[in-house]
mmCIF file of all heavy atoms, coordinates in Angstrom:
data_MODEL
# 
_entry.id   MODEL 
# 
loop_
_atom_site.group_PDB 
_atom_site.id 
_atom_site.type_symbol 
_atom_site.label_atom_id 
_atom_site.label_alt_id 
_atom_site.label_comp_id 
_atom_site.label_asym_id 
_atom_site.label_entity_id 
_atom_site.label_seq_id 
_atom_site.pdbx_PDB_ins_code 
_atom_site.Cartn_x 
_atom_site.Cartn_y 
_atom_site.Cartn_z 
_atom_site.occupancy 
_atom_site.B_iso_or_equiv 
_atom_site.pdbx_formal_charge 
_atom_site.auth_seq_id 
_atom_site.auth_comp_id 
_atom_site.auth_asym_id 
_atom_site.auth_atom_id 
_atom_site.pdbx_PDB_model_num 
ATOM 1   N N   . ILE A 1 1  ? 1.725   -7.944  -3.777 1.00 0.00 ? 1  ILE A N   1 
ATOM 2   C CA  . ILE A 1 1  ? 1.856   -7.249  -2.493 1.00 0.00 ? 1  ILE A CA  1 
ATOM 3   C C   . ILE A 1 1  ? 2.143   -8.226  -1.356 1.00 0.00 ? 1  ILE A C   1 
ATOM 4   O O   . ILE A 1 1  ? 2.958   -7.962  -0.469 1.00 0.00 ? 1  ILE A O   1 
ATOM 5   C CB  . ILE A 1 1  ? 0.580   -6.436  -2.204 1.00 0.00 ? 1  ILE A CB  1 
ATOM 6   C CG1 . ILE A 1 1  ? 0.461   -5.286  -3.219 1.00 0.00 ? 1  ILE A CG1 1 
ATOM 7   C CG2 . ILE A 1 1  ? 0.578   -5.895  -0.772 1.00 0.00 ? 1  ILE A CG2 1 
ATOM 8   C CD1 . ILE A 1 1  ? -0.857  -4.557  -3.193 1.00 0.00 ? 1  ILE A CD1 1 
ATOM 9   N N   . LEU A 1 2  ? 1.496   -9.386  -1.393 1.00 0.00 ? 2  LEU A N   1 
ATOM 10  C CA  . LEU A 1 2  ? 1.607   -10.342 -0.291 1.00 0.00 ? 2  LEU A CA  1 
ATOM 11  C C   . LEU A 1 2  ? 2.925   -11.127 -0.292 1.00 0.00 ? 2  LEU A C   1 
ATOM 12  O O   . LEU A 1 2  ? 3.174   -11.921 0.605  1.00 0.00 ? 2  LEU A O   1 
ATOM 13  C CB  . LEU A 1 2  ? 0.425   -11.308 -0.315 1.00 0.00 ? 2  LEU A CB  1 
ATOM 14  C CG  . LEU A 1 2  ? -0.950  -10.640 -0.113 1.00 0.00 ? 2  LEU A CG  1 
ATOM 15  C CD1 . LEU A 1 2  ? -2.053  -11.680 -0.132 1.00 0.00 ? 2  LEU A CD1 1 
ATOM 16  C CD2 . LEU A 1 2  ? -0.980  -9.837  1.190  1.00 0.00 ? 2  LEU A CD2 1 
ATOM 17  N N   . ASP A 1 3  ? 3.780   -10.868 -1.282 1.00 0.00 ? 3  ASP A N   1 
ATOM 18  C CA  . ASP A 1 3  ? 5.122   -11.452 -1.276 1.00 0.00 ? 3  ASP A CA  1 
ATOM 19  C C   . ASP A 1 3  ? 6.047   -10.706 -0.311 1.00 0.00 ? 3  ASP A C   1 
ATOM 20  O O   . ASP A 1 3  ? 7.189   -11.117 -0.104 1.00 0.00 ? 3  ASP A O   1 
ATOM 21  C CB  . ASP A 1 3  ? 5.747   -11.398 -2.673 1.00 0.00 ? 3  ASP A CB  1 
ATOM 22  C CG  . ASP A 1 3  ? 5.194   -12.480 -3.593 1.00 0.00 ? 3  ASP A CG  1 
ATOM 23  O OD1 . ASP A 1 3  ? 4.531   -13.410 -3.083 1.00 0.00 ? 3  ASP A OD1 1 
ATOM 24  O OD2 . ASP A 1 3  ? 5.419   -12.380 -4.820 1.00 0.00 ? 3  ASP A OD2 1 
ATOM 25  N N   . HIS A 1 4  ? 5.555   -9.612  0.255  1.00 0.00 ? 4  HIS A N   1 
ATOM 26  C CA  . HIS A 1 4  ? 6.402   -8.732  1.057  1.00 0.00 ? 4  HIS A CA  1 
ATOM 27  C C   . HIS A 1 4  ? 5.996   -8.752  2.527  1.00 0.00 ? 4  HIS A C   1 
ATOM 28  O O   . HIS A 1 4  ? 4.836   -9.000  2.857  1.00 0.00 ? 4  HIS A O   1 
ATOM 29  C CB  . HIS A 1 4  ? 6.331   -7.310  0.497  1.00 0.00 ? 4  HIS A CB  1 
ATOM 30  C CG  . HIS A 1 4  ? 6.724   -7.239  -0.953 1.00 0.00 ? 4  HIS A CG  1 
ATOM 31  N ND1 . HIS A 1 4  ? 5.831   -7.490  -1.975 1.00 0.00 ? 4  HIS A ND1 1 
ATOM 32  C CD2 . HIS A 1 4  ? 7.923   -6.999  -1.540 1.00 0.00 ? 4  HIS A CD2 1 
ATOM 33  C CE1 . HIS A 1 4  ? 6.463   -7.387  -3.140 1.00 0.00 ? 4  HIS A CE1 1 
ATOM 34  N NE2 . HIS A 1 4  ? 7.729   -7.096  -2.903 1.00 0.00 ? 4  HIS A NE2 1 
ATOM 35  N N   . THR A 1 5  ? 6.974   -8.478  3.379  1.00 0.00 ? 5  THR A N   1 
ATOM 36  C CA  . THR A 1 5  ? 6.722   -8.478  4.831  1.00 0.00 ? 5  THR A CA  1 
ATOM 37  C C   . THR A 1 5  ? 6.761   -7.077  5.425  1.00 0.00 ? 5  THR A C   1 
ATOM 38  O O   . THR A 1 5  ? 6.483   -6.896  6.608  1.00 0.00 ? 5  THR A O   1 
ATOM 39  C CB  . THR A 1 5  ? 7.776   -9.343  5.552  1.00 0.00 ? 5  THR A CB  1 
ATOM 40  O OG1 . THR A 1 5  ? 9.089   -8.807  5.285  1.00 0.00 ? 5  THR A OG1 1 
ATOM 41  C CG2 . THR A 1 5  ? 7.715   -10.792 5.071  1.00 0.00 ? 5  THR A CG2 1 
ATOM 42  N N   . ALA A 1 6  ? 7.128   -6.097  4.609  1.00 0.00 ? 6  ALA A N   1 
ATOM 43  C CA  . ALA A 1 6  ? 7.226   -4.721  5.099  1.00 0.00 ? 6  ALA A CA  1 
ATOM 44  C C   . ALA A 1 6  ? 6.946   -3.754  3.950  1.00 0.00 ? 6  ALA A C   1 
ATOM 45  O O   . ALA A 1 6  ? 7.228   -4.047  2.779  1.00 0.00 ? 6  ALA A O   1 
ATOM 46  C CB  . ALA A 1 6  ? 8.609   -4.451  5.683  1.00 0.00 ? 6  ALA A CB  1 
ATOM 47  N N   . VAL A 1 7  ? 6.379   -2.597  4.294  1.00 0.00 ? 7  VAL A N   1 
ATOM 48  C CA  . VAL A 1 7  ? 6.087   -1.555  3.308  1.00 0.00 ? 7  VAL A CA  1 
ATOM 49  C C   . VAL A 1 7  ? 6.792   -0.272  3.738  1.00 0.00 ? 7  VAL A C   1 
ATOM 50  O O   . VAL A 1 7  ? 6.800   0.073   4.921  1.00 0.00 ? 7  VAL A O   1 
ATOM 51  C CB  . VAL A 1 7  ? 4.570   -1.287  3.194  1.00 0.00 ? 7  VAL A CB  1 
ATOM 52  C CG1 . VAL A 1 7  ? 4.279   -0.302  2.064  1.00 0.00 ? 7  VAL A CG1 1 
ATOM 53  C CG2 . VAL A 1 7  ? 3.805   -2.583  2.974  1.00 0.00 ? 7  VAL A CG2 1 
ATOM 54  N N   . VAL A 1 8  ? 7.394   0.425   2.774  1.00 0.00 ? 8  VAL A N   1 
ATOM 55  C CA  . VAL A 1 8  ? 8.077   1.689   3.055  1.00 0.00 ? 8  VAL A CA  1 
ATOM 56  C C   . VAL A 1 8  ? 7.229   2.834   2.516  1.00 0.00 ? 8  VAL A C   1 
ATOM 57  O O   . VAL A 1 8  ? 6.909   2.881   1.327  1.00 0.00 ? 8  VAL A O   1 
ATOM 58  C CB  . VAL A 1 8  ? 9.474   1.727   2.403  1.00 0.00 ? 8  VAL A CB  1 
ATOM 59  C CG1 . VAL A 1 8  ? 10.171  3.050   2.730  1.00 0.00 ? 8  VAL A CG1 1 
ATOM 60  C CG2 . VAL A 1 8  ? 10.323  0.553   2.870  1.00 0.00 ? 8  VAL A CG2 1 
ATOM 61  N N   . PHE A 1 9  ? 6.867   3.771   3.390  1.00 0.00 ? 9  PHE A N   1 
ATOM 62  C CA  . PHE A 1 9  ? 6.056   4.921   2.994  1.00 0.00 ? 9  PHE A CA  1 
ATOM 63  C C   . PHE A 1 9  ? 6.887   6.205   3.094  1.00 0.00 ? 9  PHE A C   1 
ATOM 64  O O   . PHE A 1 9  ? 7.359   6.570   4.172  1.00 0.00 ? 9  PHE A O   1 
ATOM 65  C CB  . PHE A 1 9  ? 4.828   5.061   3.896  1.00 0.00 ? 9  PHE A CB  1 
ATOM 66  C CG  . PHE A 1 9  ? 3.809   3.960   3.723  1.00 0.00 ? 9  PHE A CG  1 
ATOM 67  C CD1 . PHE A 1 9  ? 3.363   3.235   4.820  1.00 0.00 ? 9  PHE A CD1 1 
ATOM 68  C CD2 . PHE A 1 9  ? 3.285   3.667   2.470  1.00 0.00 ? 9  PHE A CD2 1 
ATOM 69  C CE1 . PHE A 1 9  ? 2.414   2.241   4.666  1.00 0.00 ? 9  PHE A CE1 1 
ATOM 70  C CE2 . PHE A 1 9  ? 2.344   2.658   2.306  1.00 0.00 ? 9  PHE A CE2 1 
ATOM 71  C CZ  . PHE A 1 9  ? 1.898   1.944   3.411  1.00 0.00 ? 9  PHE A CZ  1 
ATOM 72  N N   . THR A 1 10 ? 7.037   6.885   1.974  1.00 0.00 ? 10 THR A N   1 
ATOM 73  C CA  . THR A 1 10 ? 7.793   8.141   1.965  1.00 0.00 ? 10 THR A CA  1 
ATOM 74  C C   . THR A 1 10 ? 6.876   9.364   1.976  1.00 0.00 ? 10 THR A C   1 
ATOM 75  O O   . THR A 1 10 ? 7.364   10.495  1.978  1.00 0.00 ? 10 THR A O   1 
ATOM 76  C CB  . THR A 1 10 ? 8.708   8.212   0.727  1.00 0.00 ? 10 THR A CB  1 
ATOM 77  O OG1 . THR A 1 10 ? 7.911   8.022   -0.454 1.00 0.00 ? 10 THR A OG1 1 
ATOM 78  C CG2 . THR A 1 10 ? 9.784   7.135   0.791  1.00 0.00 ? 10 THR A CG2 1 
ATOM 79  N N   . SER A 1 11 ? 5.559   9.151   1.981  1.00 0.00 ? 11 SER A N   1 
ATOM 80  C CA  . SER A 1 11 ? 4.610   10.266  2.030  1.00 0.00 ? 11 SER A CA  1 
ATOM 81  C C   . SER A 1 11 ? 3.233   9.741   2.408  1.00 0.00 ? 11 SER A C   1 
ATOM 82  O O   . SER A 1 11 ? 2.970   8.537   2.349  1.00 0.00 ? 11 SER A O   1 
ATOM 83  C CB  . SER A 1 11 ? 4.526   10.970  0.672  1.00 0.00 ? 11 SER A CB  1 
ATOM 84  O OG  . SER A 1 11 ? 3.881   10.119  -0.273 1.00 0.00 ? 11 SER A OG  1 
ATOM 85  N N   . ARG A 1 12 ? 2.335   10.667  2.766  1.00 0.00 ? 12 ARG A N   1 
ATOM 86  C CA  . ARG A 1 12 ? 0.962   10.270  3.042  1.00 0.00 ? 12 ARG A CA  1 
ATOM 87  C C   . ARG A 1 12 ? 0.247   9.846   1.761  1.00 0.00 ? 12 ARG A C   1 
ATOM 88  O O   . ARG A 1 12 ? -0.670  9.019   1.797  1.00 0.00 ? 12 ARG A O   1 
ATOM 89  C CB  . ARG A 1 12 ? 0.220   11.417  3.746  1.00 0.00 ? 12 ARG A CB  1 
ATOM 90  C CG  . ARG A 1 12 ? 0.622   11.547  5.212  1.00 0.00 ? 12 ARG A CG  1 
ATOM 91  C CD  . ARG A 1 12 ? -0.164  12.600  5.949  1.00 0.00 ? 12 ARG A CD  1 
ATOM 92  N NE  . ARG A 1 12 ? 0.248   13.943  5.559  1.00 0.00 ? 12 ARG A NE  1 
ATOM 93  C CZ  . ARG A 1 12 ? -0.181  15.050  6.164  1.00 0.00 ? 12 ARG A CZ  1 
ATOM 94  N NH1 . ARG A 1 12 ? -1.030  14.970  7.177  1.00 0.00 ? 12 ARG A NH1 1 
ATOM 95  N NH2 . ARG A 1 12 ? 0.243   16.233  5.778  1.00 0.00 ? 12 ARG A NH2 1 
ATOM 96  N N   . HIS A 1 13 ? 0.675   10.412  0.622  1.00 0.00 ? 13 HIS A N   1 
ATOM 97  C CA  . HIS A 1 13 ? 0.113   9.967   -0.661 1.00 0.00 ? 13 HIS A CA  1 
ATOM 98  C C   . HIS A 1 13 ? 0.359   8.468   -0.849 1.00 0.00 ? 13 HIS A C   1 
ATOM 99  O O   . HIS A 1 13 ? -0.518  7.728   -1.308 1.00 0.00 ? 13 HIS A O   1 
ATOM 100 C CB  . HIS A 1 13 ? 0.758   10.725  -1.831 1.00 0.00 ? 13 HIS A CB  1 
ATOM 101 C CG  . HIS A 1 13 ? 0.336   12.155  -1.942 1.00 0.00 ? 13 HIS A CG  1 
ATOM 102 N ND1 . HIS A 1 13 ? -0.982  12.538  -1.993 1.00 0.00 ? 13 HIS A ND1 1 
ATOM 103 C CD2 . HIS A 1 13 ? 1.062   13.290  -2.027 1.00 0.00 ? 13 HIS A CD2 1 
ATOM 104 C CE1 . HIS A 1 13 ? -1.055  13.858  -2.105 1.00 0.00 ? 13 HIS A CE1 1 
ATOM 105 N NE2 . HIS A 1 13 ? 0.168   14.332  -2.116 1.00 0.00 ? 13 HIS A NE2 1 
ATOM 106 N N   . ALA A 1 14 ? 1.571   8.033   -0.512 1.00 0.00 ? 14 ALA A N   1 
ATOM 107 C CA  . ALA A 1 14 ? 1.919   6.617   -0.654 1.00 0.00 ? 14 ALA A CA  1 
ATOM 108 C C   . ALA A 1 14 ? 1.020   5.753   0.221  1.00 0.00 ? 14 ALA A C   1 
ATOM 109 O O   . ALA A 1 14 ? 0.560   4.683   -0.201 1.00 0.00 ? 14 ALA A O   1 
ATOM 110 C CB  . ALA A 1 14 ? 3.395   6.394   -0.301 1.00 0.00 ? 14 ALA A CB  1 
ATOM 111 N N   . VAL A 1 15 ? 0.744   6.220   1.440  1.00 0.00 ? 15 VAL A N   1 
ATOM 112 C CA  . VAL A 1 15 ? -0.137  5.485   2.360  1.00 0.00 ? 15 VAL A CA  1 
ATOM 113 C C   . VAL A 1 15 ? -1.532  5.351   1.753  1.00 0.00 ? 15 VAL A C   1 
ATOM 114 O O   . VAL A 1 15 ? -2.091  4.252   1.661  1.00 0.00 ? 15 VAL A O   1 
ATOM 115 C CB  . VAL A 1 15 ? -0.219  6.193   3.730  1.00 0.00 ? 15 VAL A CB  1 
ATOM 116 C CG1 . VAL A 1 15 ? -1.228  5.485   4.636  1.00 0.00 ? 15 VAL A CG1 1 
ATOM 117 C CG2 . VAL A 1 15 ? 1.150   6.249   4.394  1.00 0.00 ? 15 VAL A CG2 1 
ATOM 118 N N   . ASP A 1 16 ? -2.095  6.486   1.329  1.00 0.00 ? 16 ASP A N   1 
ATOM 119 C CA  . ASP A 1 16 ? -3.452  6.484   0.766  1.00 0.00 ? 16 ASP A CA  1 
ATOM 120 C C   . ASP A 1 16 ? -3.576  5.538   -0.422 1.00 0.00 ? 16 ASP A C   1 
ATOM 121 O O   . ASP A 1 16 ? -4.490  4.708   -0.488 1.00 0.00 ? 16 ASP A O   1 
ATOM 122 C CB  . ASP A 1 16 ? -3.849  7.895   0.317  1.00 0.00 ? 16 ASP A CB  1 
ATOM 123 C CG  . ASP A 1 16 ? -4.219  8.798   1.476  1.00 0.00 ? 16 ASP A CG  1 
ATOM 124 O OD1 . ASP A 1 16 ? -4.672  8.280   2.519  1.00 0.00 ? 16 ASP A OD1 1 
ATOM 125 O OD2 . ASP A 1 16 ? -4.069  10.030  1.346  1.00 0.00 ? 16 ASP A OD2 1 
ATOM 126 N N   . HIS A 1 17 ? -2.656  5.664   -1.352 1.00 0.00 ? 17 HIS A N   1 
ATOM 127 C CA  . HIS A 1 17 ? -2.793  4.894   -2.593 1.00 0.00 ? 17 HIS A CA  1 
ATOM 128 C C   . HIS A 1 17 ? -2.465  3.419   -2.402 1.00 0.00 ? 17 HIS A C   1 
ATOM 129 O O   . HIS A 1 17 ? -3.033  2.567   -3.097 1.00 0.00 ? 17 HIS A O   1 
ATOM 130 C CB  . HIS A 1 17 ? -1.942  5.534   -3.698 1.00 0.00 ? 17 HIS A CB  1 
ATOM 131 C CG  . HIS A 1 17 ? -2.480  6.851   -4.155 1.00 0.00 ? 17 HIS A CG  1 
ATOM 132 N ND1 . HIS A 1 17 ? -3.531  6.950   -5.028 1.00 0.00 ? 17 HIS A ND1 1 
ATOM 133 C CD2 . HIS A 1 17 ? -2.148  8.115   -3.827 1.00 0.00 ? 17 HIS A CD2 1 
ATOM 134 C CE1 . HIS A 1 17 ? -3.815  8.232   -5.240 1.00 0.00 ? 17 HIS A CE1 1 
ATOM 135 N NE2 . HIS A 1 17 ? -2.983  8.953   -4.515 1.00 0.00 ? 17 HIS A NE2 1 
ATOM 136 N N   . PHE A 1 18 ? -1.592  3.102   -1.459 1.00 0.00 ? 18 PHE A N   1 
ATOM 137 C CA  . PHE A 1 18 ? -1.322  1.698   -1.153 1.00 0.00 ? 18 PHE A CA  1 
ATOM 138 C C   . PHE A 1 18 ? -2.579  1.012   -0.635 1.00 0.00 ? 18 PHE A C   1 
ATOM 139 O O   . PHE A 1 18 ? -2.996  -0.043  -1.147 1.00 0.00 ? 18 PHE A O   1 
ATOM 140 C CB  . PHE A 1 18 ? -0.190  1.578   -0.127 1.00 0.00 ? 18 PHE A CB  1 
ATOM 141 C CG  . PHE A 1 18 ? -0.006  0.192   0.423  1.00 0.00 ? 18 PHE A CG  1 
ATOM 142 C CD1 . PHE A 1 18 ? 0.648   -0.785  -0.318 1.00 0.00 ? 18 PHE A CD1 1 
ATOM 143 C CD2 . PHE A 1 18 ? -0.493  -0.154  1.679  1.00 0.00 ? 18 PHE A CD2 1 
ATOM 144 C CE1 . PHE A 1 18 ? 0.817   -2.078  0.187  1.00 0.00 ? 18 PHE A CE1 1 
ATOM 145 C CE2 . PHE A 1 18 ? -0.325  -1.427  2.193  1.00 0.00 ? 18 PHE A CE2 1 
ATOM 146 C CZ  . PHE A 1 18 ? 0.322   -2.401  1.439  1.00 0.00 ? 18 PHE A CZ  1 
ATOM 147 N N   . PHE A 1 19 ? -3.197  1.588   0.384  1.00 0.00 ? 19 PHE A N   1 
ATOM 148 C CA  . PHE A 1 19 ? -4.358  0.934   0.988  1.00 0.00 ? 19 PHE A CA  1 
ATOM 149 C C   . PHE A 1 19 ? -5.585  0.960   0.064  1.00 0.00 ? 19 PHE A C   1 
ATOM 150 O O   . PHE A 1 19 ? -6.381  0.011   0.054  1.00 0.00 ? 19 PHE A O   1 
ATOM 151 C CB  . PHE A 1 19 ? -4.676  1.563   2.341  1.00 0.00 ? 19 PHE A CB  1 
ATOM 152 C CG  . PHE A 1 19 ? -3.703  1.143   3.424  1.00 0.00 ? 19 PHE A CG  1 
ATOM 153 C CD1 . PHE A 1 19 ? -2.737  2.024   3.891  1.00 0.00 ? 19 PHE A CD1 1 
ATOM 154 C CD2 . PHE A 1 19 ? -3.743  -0.142  3.952  1.00 0.00 ? 19 PHE A CD2 1 
ATOM 155 C CE1 . PHE A 1 19 ? -1.836  1.637   4.878  1.00 0.00 ? 19 PHE A CE1 1 
ATOM 156 C CE2 . PHE A 1 19 ? -2.847  -0.545  4.936  1.00 0.00 ? 19 PHE A CE2 1 
ATOM 157 C CZ  . PHE A 1 19 ? -1.892  0.352   5.395  1.00 0.00 ? 19 PHE A CZ  1 
ATOM 158 N N   . LYS A 1 20 ? -5.722  2.006   -0.736 1.00 0.00 ? 20 LYS A N   1 
ATOM 159 C CA  . LYS A 1 20 ? -6.848  2.056   -1.672 1.00 0.00 ? 20 LYS A CA  1 
ATOM 160 C C   . LYS A 1 20 ? -6.687  1.016   -2.775 1.00 0.00 ? 20 LYS A C   1 
ATOM 161 O O   . LYS A 1 20 ? -7.661  0.386   -3.202 1.00 0.00 ? 20 LYS A O   1 
ATOM 162 C CB  . LYS A 1 20 ? -6.982  3.462   -2.258 1.00 0.00 ? 20 LYS A CB  1 
ATOM 163 C CG  . LYS A 1 20 ? -7.564  4.454   -1.254 1.00 0.00 ? 20 LYS A CG  1 
ATOM 164 C CD  . LYS A 1 20 ? -7.598  5.875   -1.792 1.00 0.00 ? 20 LYS A CD  1 
ATOM 165 C CE  . LYS A 1 20 ? -8.146  6.823   -0.734 1.00 0.00 ? 20 LYS A CE  1 
ATOM 166 N NZ  . LYS A 1 20 ? -8.107  8.244   -1.176 1.00 0.00 ? 20 LYS A NZ  1 
ATOM 167 N N   . LEU A 1 21 ? -5.446  0.830   -3.223 1.00 0.00 ? 21 LEU A N   1 
ATOM 168 C CA  . LEU A 1 21 ? -5.193  -0.207  -4.234 1.00 0.00 ? 21 LEU A CA  1 
ATOM 169 C C   . LEU A 1 21 ? -5.428  -1.596  -3.649 1.00 0.00 ? 21 LEU A C   1 
ATOM 170 O O   . LEU A 1 21 ? -5.992  -2.469  -4.317 1.00 0.00 ? 21 LEU A O   1 
ATOM 171 C CB  . LEU A 1 21 ? -3.767  -0.091  -4.773 1.00 0.00 ? 21 LEU A CB  1 
ATOM 172 C CG  . LEU A 1 21 ? -3.584  0.560   -6.139 1.00 0.00 ? 21 LEU A CG  1 
ATOM 173 C CD1 . LEU A 1 21 ? -2.112  0.609   -6.520 1.00 0.00 ? 21 LEU A CD1 1 
ATOM 174 C CD2 . LEU A 1 21 ? -4.372  -0.144  -7.227 1.00 0.00 ? 21 LEU A CD2 1 
ATOM 175 N N   . CYS A 1 22 ? -4.992  -1.799  -2.415 1.00 0.00 ? 22 CYS A N   1 
ATOM 176 C CA  . CYS A 1 22 ? -5.241  -3.092  -1.760 1.00 0.00 ? 22 CYS A CA  1 
ATOM 177 C C   . CYS A 1 22 ? -6.739  -3.380  -1.712 1.00 0.00 ? 22 CYS A C   1 
ATOM 178 O O   . CYS A 1 22 ? -7.178  -4.510  -1.976 1.00 0.00 ? 22 CYS A O   1 
ATOM 179 C CB  . CYS A 1 22 ? -4.658  -3.094  -0.345 1.00 0.00 ? 22 CYS A CB  1 
ATOM 180 S SG  . CYS A 1 22 ? -2.857  -3.245  -0.287 1.00 0.00 ? 22 CYS A SG  1 
ATOM 181 N N   . GLN A 1 23 ? -7.515  -2.357  -1.392 1.00 0.00 ? 23 GLN A N   1 
ATOM 182 C CA  . GLN A 1 23 ? -8.972  -2.525  -1.334 1.00 0.00 ? 23 GLN A CA  1 
ATOM 183 C C   . GLN A 1 23 ? -9.531  -2.859  -2.709 1.00 0.00 ? 23 GLN A C   1 
ATOM 184 O O   . GLN A 1 23 ? -10.364 -3.757  -2.864 1.00 0.00 ? 23 GLN A O   1 
ATOM 185 C CB  . GLN A 1 23 ? -9.617  -1.250  -0.791 1.00 0.00 ? 23 GLN A CB  1 
ATOM 186 C CG  . GLN A 1 23 ? -11.119 -1.351  -0.599 1.00 0.00 ? 23 GLN A CG  1 
ATOM 187 C CD  . GLN A 1 23 ? -11.704 -0.076  -0.015 1.00 0.00 ? 23 GLN A CD  1 
ATOM 188 O OE1 . GLN A 1 23 ? -11.165 1.011   -0.178 1.00 0.00 ? 23 GLN A OE1 1 
ATOM 189 N NE2 . GLN A 1 23 ? -12.818 -0.206  0.678  1.00 0.00 ? 23 GLN A NE2 1 
ATOM 190 N N   . GLU A 1 24 ? -9.052  -2.131  -3.720 1.00 0.00 ? 24 GLU A N   1 
ATOM 191 C CA  . GLU A 1 24 ? -9.535  -2.352  -5.083 1.00 0.00 ? 24 GLU A CA  1 
ATOM 192 C C   . GLU A 1 24 ? -9.151  -3.740  -5.590 1.00 0.00 ? 24 GLU A C   1 
ATOM 193 O O   . GLU A 1 24 ? -9.906  -4.388  -6.325 1.00 0.00 ? 24 GLU A O   1 
ATOM 194 C CB  . GLU A 1 24 ? -8.962  -1.267  -6.003 1.00 0.00 ? 24 GLU A CB  1 
ATOM 195 C CG  . GLU A 1 24 ? -9.645  -1.185  -7.353 1.00 0.00 ? 24 GLU A CG  1 
ATOM 196 C CD  . GLU A 1 24 ? -9.172  -0.014  -8.193 1.00 0.00 ? 24 GLU A CD  1 
ATOM 197 O OE1 . GLU A 1 24 ? -8.523  0.905   -7.635 1.00 0.00 ? 24 GLU A OE1 1 
ATOM 198 O OE2 . GLU A 1 24 ? -9.438  -0.019  -9.401 1.00 0.00 ? 24 GLU A OE2 1 
ATOM 199 N N   . LEU A 1 25 ? -7.961  -4.199  -5.194 1.00 0.00 ? 25 LEU A N   1 
ATOM 200 C CA  . LEU A 1 25 ? -7.470  -5.508  -5.620 1.00 0.00 ? 25 LEU A CA  1 
ATOM 201 C C   . LEU A 1 25 ? -7.984  -6.644  -4.729 1.00 0.00 ? 25 LEU A C   1 
ATOM 202 O O   . LEU A 1 25 ? -7.702  -7.807  -4.979 1.00 0.00 ? 25 LEU A O   1 
ATOM 203 C CB  . LEU A 1 25 ? -5.936  -5.516  -5.589 1.00 0.00 ? 25 LEU A CB  1 
ATOM 204 C CG  . LEU A 1 25 ? -5.221  -4.589  -6.571 1.00 0.00 ? 25 LEU A CG  1 
ATOM 205 C CD1 . LEU A 1 25 ? -3.766  -4.409  -6.169 1.00 0.00 ? 25 LEU A CD1 1 
ATOM 206 C CD2 . LEU A 1 25 ? -5.339  -5.120  -7.996 1.00 0.00 ? 25 LEU A CD2 1 
ATOM 207 N N   . ARG A 1 26 ? -8.718  -6.262  -3.663 1.00 0.00 ? 26 ARG A N   1 
ATOM 208 C CA  . ARG A 1 26 ? -9.233  -7.213  -2.669 1.00 0.00 ? 26 ARG A CA  1 
ATOM 209 C C   . ARG A 1 26 ? -8.103  -7.993  -1.999 1.00 0.00 ? 26 ARG A C   1 
ATOM 210 O O   . ARG A 1 26 ? -8.202  -9.204  -1.773 1.00 0.00 ? 26 ARG A O   1 
ATOM 211 C CB  . ARG A 1 26 ? -10.246 -8.156  -3.324 1.00 0.00 ? 26 ARG A CB  1 
ATOM 212 C CG  . ARG A 1 26 ? -11.476 -7.416  -3.838 1.00 0.00 ? 26 ARG A CG  1 
ATOM 213 C CD  . ARG A 1 26 ? -12.476 -8.348  -4.464 1.00 0.00 ? 26 ARG A CD  1 
ATOM 214 N NE  . ARG A 1 26 ? -13.634 -7.592  -4.952 1.00 0.00 ? 26 ARG A NE  1 
ATOM 215 C CZ  . ARG A 1 26 ? -14.643 -8.130  -5.631 1.00 0.00 ? 26 ARG A CZ  1 
ATOM 216 N NH1 . ARG A 1 26 ? -14.637 -9.438  -5.896 1.00 0.00 ? 26 ARG A NH1 1 
ATOM 217 N NH2 . ARG A 1 26 ? -15.644 -7.396  -6.046 1.00 0.00 ? 26 ARG A NH2 1 
# 
């Protein structure tokens, strides 16, 4: 994830799961 400088969200589902995965992955 940290190799990237921008994130593209096409839905609120994408937002939720991106940030929850980041939390899970620390």
